Amino acid sequence: MPSNETQAAPRIAVDAMGGDFGPCVVVPAAVEAAREGIDIALVGDEAAINAELSRLDVKGLDIRVVHASQVVEMDDKPSDALRRKKDSSIQVACRLVKKGEADGVVSAGNSGASVACGMFVLGRIKGVLRPALASVMPTEKEPVVLIDVGANVDSKPQHLFQFGLMADVLAKYVLGMKDPSVGLLSIGEEEGKGNAIVREAFDLLRESNLRFIGNVEGRDIFTGDVDIVVCDGFVGNVALKLSEGLAKSMSRILKVELKSSWLSKLGTLLSIRAFRRFKKVVDYAEYGGAPLLGLKGIVIVSHGKSNELAIVNSIRVAATSVRNKVHEHLAEGLAAHSDLFGKAEKNAKTAA
């Protein structure tokens, strides 16, 4: 991984009101991150945030509180965060980045609102057609990056191509992968499989300087044989939620089976360390939130049910992205492939 050395500490604005648990989880997590040398701005209801800070040892830590009078609820529409709730914690946090008072944002709140505020408050990097959400997921080997997982539900071939470019930067400069492999999610491994959008995206990825290995199927996501899996946001979100649901169901089934007899209970006691290691590997909290790539600033969208560990790791991902200048590398990668974008636009106009 590239050097993390910078002259100034990363400054991360944390939406203290986001997620199912709000300040009682977010504030302690932010304090823990501050102890690691990350400058923190806690954004939200000042009284609620200070009440949590009063219970913690924050002496000598670089933490400030920025008041926001509104909160975007989980059932609010993304447009509410932009129009009706302009003083919401997520929009105020994004404005801190816009004004140069912070380098990145972390929120476990309404994901649609986080995406909307990131796009319309911060704006896109020049050349980015659509920002994309990237999720880091466990596999049999090293973690895999699945992109897009919900920011775009109706993508074009050039969008899928850009998702691959952006994920390549994330894998290199945040996850420390030297030469990540890229696969395109389809209904078969053979070239020519998939719909027209996937087939054209295949051609663009093949002509790029990415280490493109061709089509991959859903069963390949968790083998660890591919580092990045590119797909449309609709498909990616379904795959992500299916994976989360399967992991939870399998864990519950396993618990029932392990308690089904005295022999199973004995086996559980003998294997307790292995089960603990397994739980850590499949726990989404270990991987932090999903980076929203392609913006003029770092935005990390965390799971709504994030615990302290998940929030701390999300802040760490944001800080690493800042230190390693991820958005600058994104711009460089896009510029290096401008000819392919032009080709894709020409093909789109011809098809129309």
Foldseek 3Di string as FASTA:
>chain_A
DDDLDDPAFAEEEEAQQAFPPHVLFQLVLVLVLQVVVHAYEYEEAPVSNVVNVVVDPNPPGRYHYHYADDADAQPDALVCCVPVRCSHRLLVRLLCCVVVNGFEYEHQHHPSVNLSSQCPVFHFDPLQPFWAWWAWFAAPDHTAIEIHAARFQDDALVNLLLRQLLVQLLCCQQVNDDAFEEAEEFPDQDQPGHDPRSNVNQVLNVPAPHNYPGHDYLVPNRHPPGRYYTDGNNVNNVSVVVLVVVVVVVVVVLVCVCPVDPVSVVVCVVCVVVVVVVCCRRDSLQQAFIWGPGGSGTYGHGHSNHGSSNSNNNVVSRSSCVSSVSNVSSSVSSVVSVVSVVVSVVVVVVVD
